[in-house]
Protein backbone atom coordinates (compact mmCIF):
# COMPACT_ATOMS: atom_id res chain seq x y z
CA MET A 1 -49.52 -48.51 12.92
CA SER A 2 -49.03 -46.50 9.75
CA ASN A 3 -49.17 -48.19 6.38
CA TRP A 4 -45.45 -47.57 5.78
CA ARG A 5 -44.42 -49.01 9.16
CA ALA A 6 -46.68 -52.04 8.66
CA LEU A 7 -45.06 -52.66 5.28
CA LEU A 8 -41.57 -52.53 6.79
CA TRP A 9 -42.63 -54.75 9.69
CA ASP A 10 -44.09 -57.36 7.34
CA GLN A 11 -41.03 -57.33 5.10
CA GLY A 12 -38.70 -57.63 8.07
CA LEU A 13 -40.67 -60.57 9.43
CA ILE A 14 -40.62 -62.28 6.03
CA VAL A 15 -36.86 -61.81 5.60
CA LEU A 16 -36.21 -63.02 9.16
CA VAL A 17 -38.34 -66.16 8.82
CA ALA A 18 -37.07 -66.89 5.31
CA GLY A 19 -33.48 -66.37 6.40
CA ILE A 20 -33.86 -68.73 9.34
CA VAL A 21 -35.66 -71.40 7.30
CA LEU A 22 -33.50 -71.22 4.18
CA PHE A 23 -30.04 -70.59 5.67
CA THR A 24 -30.35 -73.25 8.39
CA ASN A 25 -27.95 -76.08 7.55
CA LEU A 26 -27.39 -74.66 4.06
CA GLY A 27 -23.86 -76.03 3.83
CA GLY A 28 -24.67 -79.29 5.59
CA PRO A 29 -25.98 -81.70 2.98
CA ARG A 30 -23.82 -82.52 0.01
CA LEU A 31 -24.67 -81.27 -3.46
CA TRP A 32 -27.06 -84.03 -4.40
CA ASP A 33 -29.24 -83.61 -7.49
CA ARG A 34 -27.97 -83.79 -11.06
CA ASP A 35 -27.56 -80.08 -11.76
CA GLU A 36 -26.35 -78.77 -8.41
CA PRO A 37 -22.89 -80.42 -8.45
CA ARG A 38 -22.46 -79.71 -12.15
CA ASN A 39 -23.21 -76.01 -11.76
CA ALA A 40 -20.93 -75.78 -8.73
CA GLY A 41 -18.19 -77.73 -10.50
CA CYS A 42 -18.45 -75.61 -13.62
CA ALA A 43 -18.08 -72.43 -11.57
CA LYS A 44 -15.12 -73.97 -9.76
CA GLU A 45 -13.42 -74.85 -13.07
CA MET A 46 -14.14 -71.40 -14.51
CA GLN A 47 -12.61 -69.78 -11.44
CA ALA A 48 -9.56 -72.07 -11.55
CA ARG A 49 -8.99 -71.24 -15.23
CA GLY A 50 -9.67 -67.55 -14.74
CA ASP A 51 -12.21 -67.71 -17.57
CA TRP A 52 -15.36 -65.74 -16.77
CA VAL A 53 -16.93 -66.16 -20.21
CA VAL A 54 -16.94 -69.79 -21.36
CA PRO A 55 -18.64 -72.24 -18.96
CA VAL A 56 -16.95 -75.64 -19.21
CA PHE A 57 -17.41 -78.69 -16.99
CA ASN A 58 -15.25 -81.80 -17.50
CA ASN A 59 -14.01 -80.31 -20.78
CA GLU A 60 -17.56 -80.03 -22.14
CA LEU A 61 -19.16 -76.70 -23.01
CA ARG A 62 -22.16 -75.94 -20.78
CA ASP A 63 -24.28 -73.62 -22.86
CA ALA A 64 -27.72 -74.71 -21.58
CA LYS A 65 -27.69 -72.13 -18.79
CA PRO A 66 -26.75 -68.47 -18.90
CA VAL A 67 -23.25 -67.69 -17.66
CA LEU A 68 -24.73 -65.36 -15.02
CA LEU A 69 -25.54 -68.38 -12.84
CA TYR A 70 -21.87 -69.35 -12.77
CA TRP A 71 -20.81 -65.76 -12.07
CA PHE A 72 -23.02 -65.69 -9.00
CA ILE A 73 -21.61 -69.01 -7.75
CA MET A 74 -18.05 -67.80 -8.44
CA SER A 75 -18.68 -64.61 -6.46
CA ALA A 76 -19.93 -66.71 -3.52
CA TYR A 77 -16.80 -68.87 -3.78
CA TRP A 78 -14.75 -65.69 -3.57
CA MET A 79 -16.70 -64.47 -0.49
CA PHE A 80 -17.06 -67.75 1.43
CA GLY A 81 -14.59 -70.19 -0.11
CA MET A 82 -15.37 -73.39 -2.00
CA GLY A 83 -18.15 -75.44 -0.50
CA GLU A 84 -21.82 -76.33 -0.45
CA PHE A 85 -22.80 -73.17 1.43
CA ALA A 86 -21.21 -70.93 -1.20
CA ALA A 87 -22.66 -72.95 -4.09
CA ARG A 88 -26.18 -72.48 -2.69
CA PHE A 89 -25.85 -68.96 -1.26
CA TRP A 90 -27.29 -67.00 -4.20
CA SER A 91 -30.13 -69.47 -4.65
CA VAL A 92 -31.26 -68.64 -1.12
CA ILE A 93 -30.90 -64.89 -1.69
CA PHE A 94 -33.06 -65.12 -4.82
CA ALA A 95 -35.55 -67.36 -3.00
CA ILE A 96 -35.96 -64.65 -0.36
CA GLY A 97 -36.47 -62.14 -3.18
CA THR A 98 -39.15 -64.39 -4.67
CA VAL A 99 -40.93 -64.58 -1.32
CA LEU A 100 -40.86 -60.77 -1.06
CA ALA A 101 -42.21 -60.50 -4.62
CA THR A 102 -45.02 -62.89 -3.64
CA TYR A 103 -45.79 -60.67 -0.67
CA HIS A 104 -45.97 -57.52 -2.81
CA LEU A 105 -48.10 -59.24 -5.44
CA GLY A 106 -50.50 -60.50 -2.77
CA ARG A 107 -50.64 -57.03 -1.26
CA ARG A 108 -51.47 -55.52 -4.62
CA LEU A 109 -54.08 -58.11 -5.61
CA TRP A 110 -55.75 -58.76 -2.23
CA ASN A 111 -54.71 -57.31 1.12
CA PRO A 112 -51.71 -57.20 3.48
CA SER A 113 -52.93 -60.09 5.63
CA ILE A 114 -53.30 -62.46 2.68
CA ALA A 115 -49.97 -61.24 1.32
CA LEU A 116 -48.16 -61.94 4.58
CA TRP A 117 -49.65 -65.41 4.97
CA SER A 118 -48.88 -66.24 1.33
CA ALA A 119 -45.25 -65.24 1.75
CA LEU A 120 -44.83 -67.13 5.02
CA ILE A 121 -46.46 -70.27 3.63
CA LEU A 122 -44.23 -70.12 0.55
CA THR A 123 -41.19 -69.67 2.80
CA THR A 124 -41.95 -72.74 4.87
CA THR A 125 -42.88 -74.98 1.93
CA LEU A 126 -39.99 -77.38 1.48
CA MET A 127 -39.23 -78.59 -1.99
């Protein structure tokens, strides 16, 4: 197999496995830690107010995180409706991107086999 085809095959496998692992039951459990419901609620309030600039949750300014996080959550609300799946959607997309970045870093530093195993192990490591 050519180097280019092997690269595409590896990336496809990584995206497939990561998609299955990370998207499975994504909307099932409730928003449970301290930040997850606050971020989702802030995005919900921003969308309800039509304010895309000032992040507010329960009438308190939330300036600890960049507003881009809320924009991503708001865009997922627009695509999928309000819910746990939408609140977590972009986190999964960026997690898959992180796994692909791990693969490319491993490929650059070591070899394709180590890179593939590193990416797959990272994908299946539950946090």
